Amino acid sequence: MKKMLNTLFVTTPDTYLSLDGENIVIKGEERVLGRYPLHNLEAVCTFGYAGVSPALMGSCAERNIALTFMTRSGRFLARVIGESRGNVILRKEQYRISDDERRSALVARNMILGKVYNSKWILERATRDYALRLDAGRMKQVSAGLTEIMNVVRYVEDLEILRGLEGSAAAQYNSVFDELILQQKDDFYFRGRNKRPPLDNVNALLSFTYTLLAGDAAAALETVGLDAYVGFLHRDRPGRVSLALDLMEELRGVYADRFVLSLINKKVITAKGFYRKENGAVIMEDDIRKSVLKAWQERKQEGIVHPYLGEKMSWGLVPYAQALLLARHIRGDLEEYPPFLWK
């Protein structure tokens, strides 16, 4: 269990949630695992639940406490809530911001600031840990370039300029990404980002992992009552979870890229299981996808101290923490959206 920003996250598998007076009780393996006063909560999110008592569900509805059900892997299933006025107000304000490009830019620039900052520190940490195996001069040069971009991003109020800066930062980061691949270089190399379709093993892994991260981000946003399809940097497009793509920008490098690099460098996966179609697209076979999914779930259980909240949590809860912070900013509780800044 994890209480965060007045939301109770129940991540212990096979737990049953019930009501005891004014308390929510979490039971597992025929014993009580935790007890929390309802009046302190605004939402409950449970992963891989065994069940919820009708009494607790009714009590949460009466108190307007959102009760969200997720699969153990983090896929959104359903959200039960009573009167929806709070959710409506939150989403209406989200739509107002999305319709105003300047207000959208003020939110999106912090997300891009987080993305560029995290990209910089991925390179800085790699240079520190593998100084003799990397072109340290080139890495430092790119790091300095990313710092310059950050200094400009902080003051941008135009979406097109922001997109241009994000593209420039991504190009600089991608120019040295291949250096971060330290093992299996004959089979895993990066010559640039390609995705529709991916044309090499690394891009196939990146595309698959980004899809997983986008799903986690979308589930997190729906959990806190935001509309995952209405974004700020990524504009509306039918079927696209634009706000989830916004939210994952700051997590893309530090969460997904580092995960892919660890799979390759630790030889968790090999080239066996990748194959190339006639059109050049590289496809992963089922066994590879299963291995990646297993490692992804294990990665989500690893602990981290959230840099803004100062709370210990698993990596899997980071998208939920950021979604909660974004919702609080949209409500007006926070002056700015605080991005996830990893170091």
Protein backbone atom coordinates (compact mmCIF):
# COMPACT_ATOMS: atom_id res chain seq x y z
CA MET A 1 0.00 0.00 0.00
CA LYS A 2 1.09 3.55 -0.66
CA LYS A 3 -0.65 6.76 0.33
CA MET A 4 0.29 9.65 -1.93
CA LEU A 5 -1.30 13.08 -2.25
CA ASN A 6 -4.45 11.77 -0.47
CA THR A 7 -4.73 8.88 -2.92
CA LEU A 8 -4.33 5.34 -1.56
CA PHE A 9 -2.53 3.01 -4.00
CA VAL A 10 -3.05 -0.67 -3.20
CA THR A 11 -0.32 -2.49 -5.10
CA THR A 12 -0.21 -5.69 -3.02
CA PRO A 13 -1.76 -8.44 -5.18
CA ASP A 14 -4.82 -10.46 -4.17
CA THR A 15 -6.10 -8.01 -1.55
CA TYR A 16 -9.70 -7.46 -0.49
CA LEU A 17 -10.94 -3.99 0.42
CA SER A 18 -13.74 -3.59 2.94
CA LEU A 19 -15.37 -1.03 5.22
CA ASP A 20 -15.05 -0.96 9.00
CA GLY A 21 -16.83 2.04 10.48
CA GLU A 22 -15.16 5.09 8.91
CA ASN A 23 -12.10 3.15 7.79
CA ILE A 24 -11.04 1.31 4.68
CA VAL A 25 -9.49 -2.05 5.57
CA ILE A 26 -7.10 -3.93 3.28
CA LYS A 27 -6.96 -7.68 3.83
CA GLY A 28 -4.73 -10.29 2.29
CA GLU A 29 -3.84 -13.86 3.14
CA GLU A 30 -6.50 -13.85 5.86
CA ARG A 31 -4.97 -10.96 7.77
CA VAL A 32 -5.33 -7.18 7.91
CA LEU A 33 -2.57 -5.45 5.94
CA GLY A 34 -3.65 -1.87 6.53
CA ARG A 35 -6.37 0.44 7.79
CA TYR A 36 -6.94 4.03 6.62
CA PRO A 37 -9.54 6.66 7.60
CA LEU A 38 -11.83 7.49 4.69
CA HIS A 39 -11.99 11.16 5.60
CA ASN A 40 -8.29 11.51 4.71
CA LEU A 41 -8.73 10.15 1.19
CA GLU A 42 -9.87 11.60 -2.11
CA ALA A 43 -9.20 8.49 -4.21
CA VAL A 44 -8.33 4.80 -3.97
CA CYS A 45 -6.51 2.95 -6.77
CA THR A 46 -6.14 -0.81 -6.55
CA PHE A 47 -4.02 -3.07 -8.77
CA GLY A 48 -4.92 -6.72 -9.28
CA TYR A 49 -7.62 -6.67 -6.63
CA ALA A 50 -9.43 -9.71 -5.24
CA GLY A 51 -12.56 -7.71 -4.51
CA VAL A 52 -14.20 -4.69 -2.90
CA SER A 53 -17.15 -4.87 -0.53
CA PRO A 54 -20.43 -3.26 -1.64
CA ALA A 55 -20.46 -1.31 1.64
CA LEU A 56 -17.07 0.27 0.88
CA MET A 57 -18.06 1.03 -2.70
CA GLY A 58 -21.23 2.75 -1.50
CA SER A 59 -19.40 4.70 1.17
CA CYS A 60 -16.79 5.89 -1.35
CA ALA A 61 -19.57 6.98 -3.72
CA GLU A 62 -21.30 8.95 -0.96
CA ARG A 63 -18.06 10.74 -0.07
CA ASN A 64 -17.11 11.32 -3.71
CA ILE A 65 -13.95 9.19 -3.27
CA ALA A 66 -12.93 7.83 -6.68
CA LEU A 67 -12.37 4.06 -6.68
CA THR A 68 -10.22 2.94 -9.61
CA PHE A 69 -9.56 -0.65 -10.66
CA MET A 70 -6.39 -1.58 -12.56
CA THR A 71 -4.95 -4.88 -13.72
CA ARG A 72 -1.80 -6.05 -11.99
CA SER A 73 0.20 -4.85 -15.01
CA GLY A 74 -1.30 -1.36 -14.70
CA ARG A 75 -3.97 -1.40 -17.43
CA PHE A 76 -6.98 0.77 -16.63
CA LEU A 77 -10.19 -1.23 -16.10
CA ALA A 78 -12.82 1.01 -14.54
CA ARG A 79 -13.38 4.00 -12.30
CA VAL A 80 -16.29 4.24 -9.87
CA ILE A 81 -17.21 7.63 -8.47
CA GLY A 82 -20.29 9.27 -6.97
CA GLU A 83 -21.34 12.79 -7.89
CA SER A 84 -19.14 13.90 -10.75
CA ARG A 85 -19.03 17.63 -10.20
CA GLY A 86 -15.35 17.61 -9.16
CA ASN A 87 -14.37 15.54 -12.18
CA VAL A 88 -16.42 17.77 -14.50
CA ILE A 89 -14.78 20.94 -13.18
CA LEU A 90 -11.32 19.42 -13.59
CA ARG A 91 -11.95 18.29 -17.15
CA LYS A 92 -13.62 21.54 -18.20
CA GLU A 93 -10.54 23.42 -17.04
CA GLN A 94 -8.34 20.93 -18.89
CA TYR A 95 -10.31 21.63 -22.07
CA ARG A 96 -10.03 25.38 -21.56
CA ILE A 97 -6.26 25.14 -21.25
CA SER A 98 -6.05 22.88 -24.31
CA ASP A 99 -8.07 25.39 -26.37
CA ASP A 100 -5.69 28.21 -25.40
CA GLU A 101 -2.31 27.68 -27.07
CA ARG A 102 -0.45 30.06 -24.75
CA ARG A 103 -1.81 28.36 -21.61
CA SER A 104 -1.04 25.00 -23.20
CA ALA A 105 2.55 26.09 -23.80
CA LEU A 106 2.96 27.14 -20.16
CA VAL A 107 2.13 23.60 -19.05
CA ALA A 108 3.90 21.79 -21.89
CA ARG A 109 7.16 23.72 -21.45
CA ASN A 110 7.65 22.21 -18.00
CA MET A 111 7.12 18.73 -19.45
CA ILE A 112 9.71 19.43 -22.15
CA LEU A 113 12.02 20.99 -19.57
CA GLY A 114 11.80 17.70 -17.66
CA LYS A 115 12.50 15.72 -20.81
CA VAL A 116 15.61 17.72 -21.74
CA TYR A 117 16.88 17.76 -18.14
CA ASN A 118 16.52 13.99 -17.86
CA SER A 119 18.21 13.46 -21.23
CA LYS A 120 21.13 15.56 -20.05
CA TRP A 121 21.55 13.55 -16.86
CA ILE A 122 21.33 10.24 -18.67
CA LEU A 123 24.40 11.35 -20.62
CA GLU A 124 26.11 12.81 -17.56
CA ARG A 125 25.65 9.62 -15.55
CA ALA A 126 26.84 7.43 -18.44
CA THR A 127 29.93 9.61 -18.84
CA ARG A 128 30.68 9.28 -15.14
CA ASP A 129 30.12 5.50 -15.01
CA TYR A 130 31.76 4.55 -18.34
CA ALA A 131 34.29 7.31 -18.96
CA LEU A 132 36.79 4.96 -20.62
CA ARG A 133 34.23 3.39 -22.96
CA LEU A 134 32.54 6.52 -24.27
CA ASP A 135 33.59 9.59 -26.21
CA ALA A 136 33.46 11.76 -23.09
CA GLY A 137 34.20 14.95 -25.01
CA ARG A 138 31.29 14.39 -27.38
CA MET A 139 28.96 13.49 -24.52
CA LYS A 140 29.90 16.65 -22.61
CA GLN A 141 29.37 18.73 -25.74
CA VAL A 142 25.85 17.38 -26.19
CA SER A 143 25.13 17.80 -22.48
CA ALA A 144 26.14 21.47 -22.71
CA GLY A 145 23.88 21.89 -25.74
CA LEU A 146 20.95 20.44 -23.82
CA THR A 147 21.62 22.89 -20.99
CA GLU A 148 21.42 25.77 -23.46
CA ILE A 149 18.09 24.49 -24.75
CA MET A 150 16.73 24.20 -21.20
CA ASN A 151 17.62 27.82 -20.53
CA VAL A 152 15.47 28.85 -23.50
CA VAL A 153 12.58 26.42 -22.88
CA ARG A 154 11.93 27.92 -19.43
CA TYR A 155 10.64 31.15 -20.97
CA VAL A 156 8.83 29.90 -24.09
CA GLU A 157 5.13 30.77 -24.44
CA ASP A 158 4.61 29.55 -28.02
CA LEU A 159 3.84 25.92 -28.87
CA GLU A 160 5.57 25.94 -32.26
CA ILE A 161 8.79 27.32 -30.78
CA LEU A 162 8.53 24.75 -28.00
CA ARG A 163 8.15 21.93 -30.51
CA GLY A 164 11.19 23.18 -32.39
CA LEU A 165 13.30 23.23 -29.24
CA GLU A 166 12.08 19.76 -28.26
CA GLY A 167 13.02 18.47 -31.71
CA SER A 168 16.47 20.03 -31.49
CA ALA A 169 17.06 18.50 -28.06
CA ALA A 170 15.90 15.08 -29.27
CA ALA A 171 18.23 15.27 -32.29
CA GLN A 172 21.23 16.09 -30.08
CA TYR A 173 20.40 13.32 -27.60
CA ASN A 174 19.81 10.78 -30.38
CA SER A 175 23.15 11.69 -31.97
CA VAL A 176 24.99 10.01 -29.07
CA PHE A 177 22.42 7.39 -28.05
CA ASP A 178 24.32 4.65 -29.87
CA GLU A 179 27.28 5.31 -27.55
CA LEU A 180 25.13 4.18 -24.62
CA ILE A 181 24.80 0.70 -26.15
CA LEU A 182 27.81 -1.07 -24.66
CA GLN A 183 27.11 -4.71 -25.49
CA GLN A 184 25.96 -6.75 -28.53
CA LYS A 185 26.90 -3.91 -30.88
CA ASP A 186 26.66 -6.07 -34.00
CA ASP A 187 22.99 -6.76 -33.37
CA PHE A 188 21.90 -3.67 -31.48
CA TYR A 189 22.81 -0.27 -32.90
CA PHE A 190 21.10 3.09 -33.23
CA ARG A 191 21.47 5.22 -36.35
CA GLY A 192 18.44 7.42 -35.70
CA ARG A 193 14.83 7.13 -34.64
CA ASN A 194 12.46 5.31 -37.02
CA LYS A 195 9.11 3.99 -35.94
CA ARG A 196 6.52 3.40 -38.65
CA PRO A 197 7.85 0.81 -39.08
CA PRO A 198 10.96 0.32 -36.88
CA LEU A 199 13.89 -0.65 -39.09
CA ASP A 200 16.30 -2.14 -36.54
CA ASN A 201 16.24 -4.07 -33.28
CA VAL A 202 16.77 -1.03 -31.04
CA ASN A 203 13.95 0.95 -32.62
CA ALA A 204 11.66 -2.06 -32.36
CA LEU A 205 12.39 -2.22 -28.63
CA LEU A 206 11.95 1.53 -28.19
CA SER A 207 8.63 1.57 -30.03
CA PHE A 208 7.27 -1.32 -27.98
CA THR A 209 8.44 0.21 -24.70
CA TYR A 210 7.05 3.64 -25.56
CA THR A 211 3.70 1.97 -26.21
CA LEU A 212 3.83 0.40 -22.74
CA LEU A 213 4.72 3.75 -21.16
CA ALA A 214 1.95 5.55 -23.05
CA GLY A 215 -0.54 2.99 -21.75
CA ASP A 216 0.67 3.50 -18.19
CA ALA A 217 0.46 7.29 -18.58
CA ALA A 218 -3.07 7.10 -20.03
CA ALA A 219 -4.21 4.87 -17.17
CA ALA A 220 -2.70 7.27 -14.64
CA LEU A 221 -4.49 10.25 -16.17
CA GLU A 222 -7.84 8.47 -16.25
CA THR A 223 -7.31 7.44 -12.62
CA VAL A 224 -7.09 11.07 -11.45
CA GLY A 225 -10.05 12.14 -13.59
CA LEU A 226 -8.27 13.79 -16.53
CA ASP A 227 -9.05 13.11 -20.19
CA ALA A 228 -6.07 11.26 -21.64
CA TYR A 229 -7.12 12.22 -25.19
CA VAL A 230 -6.94 16.02 -24.77
CA GLY A 231 -3.36 17.25 -24.67
CA PHE A 232 -1.40 20.46 -24.53
CA LEU A 233 1.75 19.87 -26.60
CA HIS A 234 0.21 17.05 -28.65
CA ARG A 235 -2.97 18.40 -30.17
CA ASP A 236 -6.25 16.56 -30.67
CA ARG A 237 -6.28 13.68 -33.12
CA PRO A 238 -8.92 10.92 -33.21
CA GLY A 239 -7.78 7.87 -31.29
CA ARG A 240 -4.58 9.45 -29.96
CA VAL A 241 -4.02 9.73 -26.20
CA SER A 242 -2.50 13.19 -26.59
CA LEU A 243 -2.23 14.08 -22.90
CA ALA A 244 -0.62 10.71 -22.18
CA LEU A 245 1.98 11.48 -24.86
CA ASP A 246 2.55 14.86 -23.18
CA LEU A 247 2.99 13.27 -19.76
CA MET A 248 5.38 10.59 -20.97
CA GLU A 249 7.77 13.10 -22.60
CA GLU A 250 9.66 13.73 -19.37
CA LEU A 251 9.69 9.98 -18.60
CA ARG A 252 10.63 8.77 -22.07
CA GLY A 253 14.40 8.83 -21.60
CA VAL A 254 14.78 8.15 -17.92
CA TYR A 255 12.10 5.44 -17.78
CA ALA A 256 11.87 3.81 -21.22
CA ASP A 257 15.26 4.47 -22.87
CA ARG A 258 17.26 3.42 -19.81
CA PHE A 259 15.09 0.29 -19.57
CA VAL A 260 15.86 -0.65 -23.19
CA LEU A 261 19.56 0.02 -22.68
CA SER A 262 19.59 -2.22 -19.60
CA LEU A 263 17.93 -5.05 -21.55
CA ILE A 264 20.67 -4.88 -24.16
CA ASN A 265 23.70 -4.13 -21.98
CA LYS A 266 22.80 -6.76 -19.39
CA LYS A 267 22.01 -9.25 -22.18
CA VAL A 268 18.52 -9.88 -20.85
CA ILE A 269 17.59 -10.18 -24.51
CA THR A 270 19.60 -11.11 -27.59
CA ALA A 271 19.03 -10.77 -31.31
CA LYS A 272 17.30 -14.15 -31.36
CA GLY A 273 13.58 -13.50 -31.79
CA PHE A 274 13.84 -10.42 -34.00
CA TYR A 275 13.11 -10.83 -37.69
CA ARG A 276 12.93 -8.51 -40.69
CA LYS A 277 9.94 -8.44 -43.04
CA GLU A 278 10.18 -7.85 -46.78
CA ASN A 279 9.42 -4.14 -46.34
CA GLY A 280 12.35 -3.76 -43.94
CA ALA A 281 10.26 -3.61 -40.77
CA VAL A 282 11.80 -5.36 -37.77
CA ILE A 283 9.33 -7.41 -35.75
CA MET A 284 9.70 -9.00 -32.33
CA GLU A 285 8.45 -12.55 -31.88
CA ASP A 286 6.17 -13.46 -28.98
CA ASP A 287 8.98 -14.83 -26.80
CA ILE A 288 10.89 -11.55 -27.00
CA ARG A 289 7.77 -9.54 -26.19
CA LYS A 290 7.07 -11.76 -23.20
CA SER A 291 10.64 -11.28 -21.94
CA VAL A 292 10.34 -7.50 -22.33
CA LEU A 293 6.98 -7.44 -20.57
CA LYS A 294 8.32 -9.52 -17.68
CA ALA A 295 11.31 -7.20 -17.29
CA TRP A 296 9.03 -4.15 -17.57
CA GLN A 297 6.90 -5.35 -14.69
CA GLU A 298 10.00 -6.05 -12.62
CA ARG A 299 11.33 -2.59 -13.41
CA LYS A 300 8.08 -1.02 -12.23
CA GLN A 301 8.56 -2.62 -8.81
CA GLU A 302 11.99 -1.04 -8.26
CA GLY A 303 12.06 1.77 -5.70
CA ILE A 304 12.84 5.45 -6.15
CA VAL A 305 12.49 8.63 -4.11
CA HIS A 306 10.28 11.06 -6.01
CA PRO A 307 12.39 14.21 -6.56
CA TYR A 308 9.51 16.65 -5.95
CA LEU A 309 7.38 14.83 -3.38
CA GLY A 310 10.31 13.37 -1.47
CA GLU A 311 8.37 10.12 -1.04
CA LYS A 312 9.63 6.61 -1.63
CA MET A 313 7.63 4.79 -4.29
CA SER A 314 8.04 2.24 -7.05
CA TRP A 315 8.88 3.34 -10.59
CA GLY A 316 5.46 2.04 -11.61
CA LEU A 317 3.78 4.75 -9.52
CA VAL A 318 5.75 7.63 -11.04
CA PRO A 319 3.22 8.24 -13.86
CA TYR A 320 0.45 8.34 -11.25
CA ALA A 321 2.38 10.83 -9.13
CA GLN A 322 2.87 13.06 -12.16
CA ALA A 323 -0.80 12.75 -13.16
CA LEU A 324 -1.83 13.77 -9.65
CA LEU A 325 0.50 16.77 -9.74
CA LEU A 326 -0.84 17.76 -13.15
CA ALA A 327 -4.43 17.52 -11.90
CA ARG A 328 -3.57 19.67 -8.89
CA HIS A 329 -2.01 22.29 -11.15
CA ILE A 330 -5.08 22.34 -13.40
CA ARG A 331 -7.31 22.74 -10.34
CA GLY A 332 -5.19 25.70 -9.26
CA ASP A 333 -3.66 24.05 -6.18
CA LEU A 334 -0.15 24.34 -7.66
CA GLU A 335 1.09 27.44 -9.46
CA GLU A 336 3.07 25.39 -11.98
CA TYR A 337 3.19 21.76 -13.03
CA PRO A 338 6.30 20.22 -11.41
CA PRO A 339 8.02 17.87 -13.92
CA PHE A 340 9.84 14.71 -12.92
CA LEU A 341 13.51 15.70 -12.71
CA TRP A 342 15.78 12.68 -12.34
CA LYS A 343 19.46 12.79 -11.47
